[in-house]
Protein backbone atom coordinates (compact mmCIF):
# COMPACT_ATOMS: atom_id res chain seq x y z
CA MET A 1 -1.09 9.85 -1.58
CA SER A 2 -4.15 11.35 0.06
CA GLU A 3 -6.95 12.98 -1.92
CA VAL A 4 -6.13 16.33 -0.29
CA THR A 5 -2.48 16.09 -1.33
CA ALA A 6 -3.50 15.14 -4.87
CA ALA A 7 -5.80 18.18 -5.00
CA TRP A 8 -3.01 20.48 -3.81
CA ILE A 9 -0.69 19.07 -6.44
CA ARG A 10 -3.29 19.89 -9.12
CA ILE A 11 -3.54 23.43 -7.73
CA GLU A 12 0.26 23.80 -7.73
CA ARG A 13 0.42 22.57 -11.31
CA TRP A 14 -2.21 25.10 -12.39
CA LEU A 15 -0.52 27.95 -10.51
CA SER A 16 2.88 27.16 -11.99
CA ARG A 17 1.39 27.41 -15.49
CA HIS A 18 -0.99 30.36 -15.04
CA ALA A 19 0.20 32.47 -12.12
CA PRO A 20 3.63 33.53 -10.93
CA VAL A 21 4.86 31.34 -8.08
CA GLY A 22 8.33 32.86 -8.11
CA PRO A 23 10.84 30.92 -6.04
CA TRP A 24 8.15 28.84 -4.29
CA ARG A 25 7.87 25.12 -4.98
CA ALA A 26 5.57 22.35 -3.79
CA TYR A 27 7.12 19.57 -1.74
CA LEU A 28 5.85 16.47 0.02
CA ILE A 29 6.81 15.86 3.64
CA GLY A 30 6.40 12.93 6.00
CA GLY A 31 3.27 10.96 5.18
CA GLY A 32 2.69 12.80 1.90
CA ASP A 33 1.51 16.17 3.21
CA LEU A 34 2.04 19.11 0.89
CA TRP A 35 4.45 21.85 1.91
CA TRP A 36 5.29 25.07 0.05
CA GLY A 37 8.91 26.14 0.37
CA LEU A 38 11.60 27.98 -1.47
CA ALA A 39 13.28 26.23 -4.38
CA GLY A 40 16.21 24.14 -3.19
CA GLU A 41 14.99 23.50 0.36
CA THR A 42 15.76 20.00 1.58
CA GLU A 43 14.01 19.74 4.95
CA VAL A 44 11.46 21.31 7.27
CA ASN A 45 11.40 20.69 11.02
CA GLY A 46 13.96 17.93 10.51
CA GLU A 47 11.82 16.06 7.97
CA PRO A 48 13.12 15.60 4.42
CA LEU A 49 11.32 17.36 1.60
CA ARG A 50 10.61 15.61 -1.69
CA PRO A 51 9.57 17.58 -4.77
CA ALA A 52 5.85 17.10 -5.37
CA PRO A 53 4.96 15.22 -8.56
CA ARG A 54 4.11 17.56 -11.42
CA THR A 55 2.12 15.14 -13.54
């Protein structure tokens, strides 16, 4: 996982605890890039989405 992706995951974790993110969730696509999408999405532009780690 890249340093940028790791930083975004930390930001997502903070937001989910301290600010409303509503239906939005953090996902990883392709080579580990972060993507924000609606809960339950499974792909973007034909690439599978994986839930971003929360720890």
